[in-house]
Amino acid sequence: MKPLSGPPRGWIGVVLVLLAGLALFLQPGPKDGGTGRERSGGGGEPSAEPVEAFVTRVVDGDTIEAEFGGRSEDVRYIGVDTPETVKPGAPVGCFGPRASAFNHATVERRHVRLVFDAERRDIYGRLLAYVYLGKDFINAELVRRGLARSLTIPPNDSHAPLFKRLEHAAGRAGRGLWSHCAP
């Protein structure tokens, strides 16, 4: 039997390939699949912690543009859906202008706190958040006033039971769209 005199041939190449693969894996990566979302290791996403932001523009009743961390983001409110006002090719929805006006009057040009749930972005690349102005929970206030319906999209459903309760109460009281709009 021949004694072992060292590692088998070709081991250096295998080690180099493994090291190169590991280096690529650990680097901050390019954008994911062309969706406009950076991988969480690349520093492109806010942390799970709430973020203080400045609302530069209200898009409609459930979407804002906000600045934080040196960048601007479109932010879609989690758990609520207001009637359309700016969607290309879609008619203006019943009570949509009132929902949009409330959002303008409440958060535009103000500092808000964005709180995140399980998923950070929707299919359009917008940041998803619960929006607070001081202690006021804007997502919930839209539903409470009858300016929005609840919209549960798992896994972002931390406040779904609250939104459903507020929606039922607004409907029973005939607030907002519940008394003015056909179902």
Protein backbone atom coordinates (compact mmCIF):
# COMPACT_ATOMS: atom_id res chain seq x y z
CA MET A 1 0.00 0.00 0.00
CA LYS A 2 1.30 3.42 -0.95
CA PRO A 3 1.51 5.98 1.90
CA LEU A 4 -0.43 9.23 1.55
CA SER A 5 1.95 11.97 0.56
CA GLY A 6 -0.38 14.97 0.55
CA PRO A 7 -3.77 16.13 -0.60
CA PRO A 8 -5.21 14.74 -3.84
CA ARG A 9 -4.47 16.60 -7.05
CA GLY A 10 -6.87 19.34 -8.02
CA TRP A 11 -7.82 20.30 -4.47
CA ILE A 12 -6.48 23.84 -4.88
CA GLY A 13 -8.84 24.50 -7.79
CA VAL A 14 -11.81 23.20 -5.80
CA VAL A 15 -10.94 25.41 -2.82
CA LEU A 16 -10.54 28.48 -5.06
CA VAL A 17 -13.91 27.91 -6.71
CA LEU A 18 -15.57 27.50 -3.30
CA LEU A 19 -13.93 30.68 -1.99
CA ALA A 20 -14.97 32.66 -5.09
CA GLY A 21 -18.55 31.45 -4.69
CA LEU A 22 -18.57 32.38 -1.02
CA ALA A 23 -17.21 35.85 -1.81
CA LEU A 24 -19.97 36.42 -4.39
CA PHE A 25 -22.61 35.20 -1.97
CA LEU A 26 -21.49 37.56 0.80
CA GLN A 27 -21.28 40.69 -1.39
CA PRO A 28 -24.21 43.11 -1.50
CA GLY A 29 -25.99 42.03 -4.62
CA PRO A 30 -27.62 43.68 -7.58
CA LYS A 31 -31.29 44.41 -7.73
CA ASP A 32 -33.52 41.35 -7.28
CA GLY A 33 -35.00 40.04 -10.51
CA GLY A 34 -35.51 43.48 -11.97
CA THR A 35 -38.21 44.39 -9.43
CA GLY A 36 -36.43 47.46 -8.15
CA ARG A 37 -35.96 45.89 -4.73
CA GLU A 38 -32.53 45.54 -3.24
CA ARG A 39 -31.67 42.49 -1.24
CA SER A 40 -31.84 43.13 2.48
CA GLY A 41 -28.09 42.62 2.86
CA GLY A 42 -27.41 45.41 0.37
CA GLY A 43 -28.61 48.21 2.60
CA GLY A 44 -31.48 49.11 0.27
CA GLU A 45 -34.31 48.35 2.68
CA PRO A 46 -35.22 50.03 5.91
CA SER A 47 -34.74 47.90 8.99
CA ALA A 48 -37.64 46.29 10.81
CA GLU A 49 -37.55 49.26 13.16
CA PRO A 50 -39.96 52.16 12.55
CA VAL A 51 -38.61 54.98 10.39
CA GLU A 52 -39.20 58.71 10.80
CA ALA A 53 -40.04 60.20 7.39
CA PHE A 54 -41.13 63.49 5.86
CA VAL A 55 -44.14 63.34 3.53
CA THR A 56 -43.21 65.31 0.42
CA ARG A 57 -46.36 64.48 -1.54
CA VAL A 58 -49.68 62.75 -1.16
CA VAL A 59 -50.42 60.64 -4.22
CA ASP A 60 -53.97 59.65 -3.24
CA GLY A 61 -55.94 58.39 -0.26
CA ASP A 62 -53.66 55.45 0.53
CA THR A 63 -50.30 56.33 -1.04
CA ILE A 64 -47.71 58.97 -0.19
CA GLU A 65 -44.20 59.91 -1.21
CA ALA A 66 -41.86 60.21 1.75
CA GLU A 67 -38.20 61.08 2.33
CA PHE A 68 -36.01 59.31 4.87
CA GLY A 69 -32.46 58.04 5.01
CA GLY A 70 -31.44 60.34 2.15
CA ARG A 71 -33.90 58.91 -0.38
CA SER A 72 -37.48 59.31 -1.53
CA GLU A 73 -39.93 56.39 -1.55
CA ASP A 74 -43.50 55.78 -2.65
CA VAL A 75 -45.28 54.37 0.41
CA ARG A 76 -48.51 52.37 0.16
CA TYR A 77 -50.59 52.16 3.35
CA ILE A 78 -50.95 48.57 4.58
CA GLY A 79 -54.37 47.08 5.21
CA VAL A 80 -56.57 49.74 3.65
CA ASP A 81 -57.89 50.59 0.20
CA THR A 82 -59.32 53.98 -0.71
CA PRO A 83 -61.34 54.56 -3.88
CA GLU A 84 -59.20 55.42 -6.91
CA THR A 85 -58.47 59.02 -7.91
CA VAL A 86 -55.31 58.89 -10.02
CA LYS A 87 -55.10 55.41 -11.57
CA PRO A 88 -54.66 55.75 -15.36
CA GLY A 89 -57.65 54.41 -17.25
CA ALA A 90 -59.77 54.00 -14.11
CA PRO A 91 -62.69 56.26 -13.23
CA VAL A 92 -62.52 58.34 -10.08
CA GLY A 93 -64.07 56.22 -7.35
CA CYS A 94 -66.94 57.28 -5.15
CA PHE A 95 -65.50 59.07 -2.11
CA GLY A 96 -61.97 58.84 -3.58
CA PRO A 97 -61.49 62.61 -3.69
CA ARG A 98 -62.56 62.90 -0.03
CA ALA A 99 -60.11 60.18 1.03
CA SER A 100 -57.35 61.91 -0.92
CA ALA A 101 -58.26 65.31 0.56
CA PHE A 102 -58.16 63.86 4.09
CA ASN A 103 -54.72 62.37 3.43
CA HIS A 104 -53.46 65.70 2.01
CA ALA A 105 -54.78 67.68 4.97
CA THR A 106 -53.48 65.19 7.52
CA VAL A 107 -49.97 64.14 6.47
CA GLU A 108 -48.69 66.23 3.55
CA ARG A 109 -45.50 68.19 4.43
CA ARG A 110 -45.45 66.57 7.87
CA HIS A 111 -43.16 64.19 9.70
CA VAL A 112 -44.65 60.71 10.12
CA ARG A 113 -43.52 57.37 11.49
CA LEU A 114 -43.54 54.39 9.12
CA VAL A 115 -43.98 50.99 10.74
CA PHE A 116 -43.40 47.85 8.70
CA ASP A 117 -44.94 44.40 8.68
CA ALA A 118 -43.74 41.09 7.19
CA GLU A 119 -43.21 42.23 3.58
CA ARG A 120 -41.56 45.54 2.78
CA ARG A 121 -42.67 46.07 -0.85
CA ASP A 122 -45.63 45.41 -3.07
CA ILE A 123 -45.48 44.14 -6.65
CA TYR A 124 -45.09 47.73 -7.90
CA GLY A 125 -41.98 48.33 -5.78
CA ARG A 126 -43.74 50.65 -3.32
CA LEU A 127 -42.75 50.49 0.33
CA LEU A 128 -45.56 49.09 2.49
CA ALA A 129 -46.17 50.69 5.89
CA TYR A 130 -48.50 51.57 8.69
CA VAL A 131 -48.38 55.37 8.93
CA TYR A 132 -48.52 57.30 12.20
CA LEU A 133 -48.71 61.05 12.76
CA GLY A 134 -47.81 61.39 16.42
CA LYS A 135 -50.14 58.92 18.13
CA ASP A 136 -52.69 59.00 15.29
CA PHE A 137 -52.78 55.77 13.26
CA ILE A 138 -53.61 57.11 9.79
CA ASN A 139 -54.43 53.73 8.18
CA ALA A 140 -57.00 53.06 10.92
CA GLU A 141 -58.37 56.61 10.82
CA LEU A 142 -59.13 56.27 7.09
CA VAL A 143 -61.21 53.15 7.76
CA ARG A 144 -62.85 54.59 10.91
CA ARG A 145 -64.04 57.66 8.98
CA GLY A 146 -65.44 55.55 6.13
CA LEU A 147 -62.83 56.84 3.67
CA ALA A 148 -61.32 53.38 3.05
CA ARG A 149 -62.23 49.72 3.13
CA SER A 150 -60.06 47.19 4.92
CA LEU A 151 -57.82 45.21 2.59
CA THR A 152 -56.05 42.19 4.08
CA ILE A 153 -53.13 40.83 2.08
CA PRO A 154 -51.16 38.24 4.09
CA PRO A 155 -48.56 38.20 5.45
CA ASN A 156 -49.00 41.94 6.11
CA ASP A 157 -52.00 41.44 8.36
CA SER A 158 -50.92 42.50 11.86
CA HIS A 159 -53.77 45.01 12.16
CA ALA A 160 -56.38 43.20 10.03
CA PRO A 161 -58.75 42.49 12.95
CA LEU A 162 -58.68 46.17 13.95
CA PHE A 163 -59.35 47.33 10.39
CA LYS A 164 -62.25 44.86 10.03
CA ARG A 165 -63.81 46.09 13.30
CA LEU A 166 -63.47 49.72 12.21
CA GLU A 167 -64.92 48.91 8.78
CA HIS A 168 -67.97 47.19 10.30
CA ALA A 169 -68.53 50.10 12.71
CA ALA A 170 -68.26 52.66 9.88
CA GLY A 171 -70.67 50.61 7.77
CA ARG A 172 -73.22 50.29 10.58
CA ALA A 173 -72.98 54.03 11.27
CA GLY A 174 -73.20 54.91 7.56
CA ARG A 175 -70.00 56.94 7.66
CA GLY A 176 -68.30 58.11 4.49
CA LEU A 177 -68.46 55.83 1.50
CA TRP A 178 -70.82 53.46 3.34
CA SER A 179 -73.70 55.91 2.98
CA HIS A 180 -72.82 57.46 -0.36
CA CYS A 181 -71.45 54.70 -2.58
CA ALA A 182 -73.02 51.57 -4.05
CA PRO A 183 -71.37 48.35 -2.79
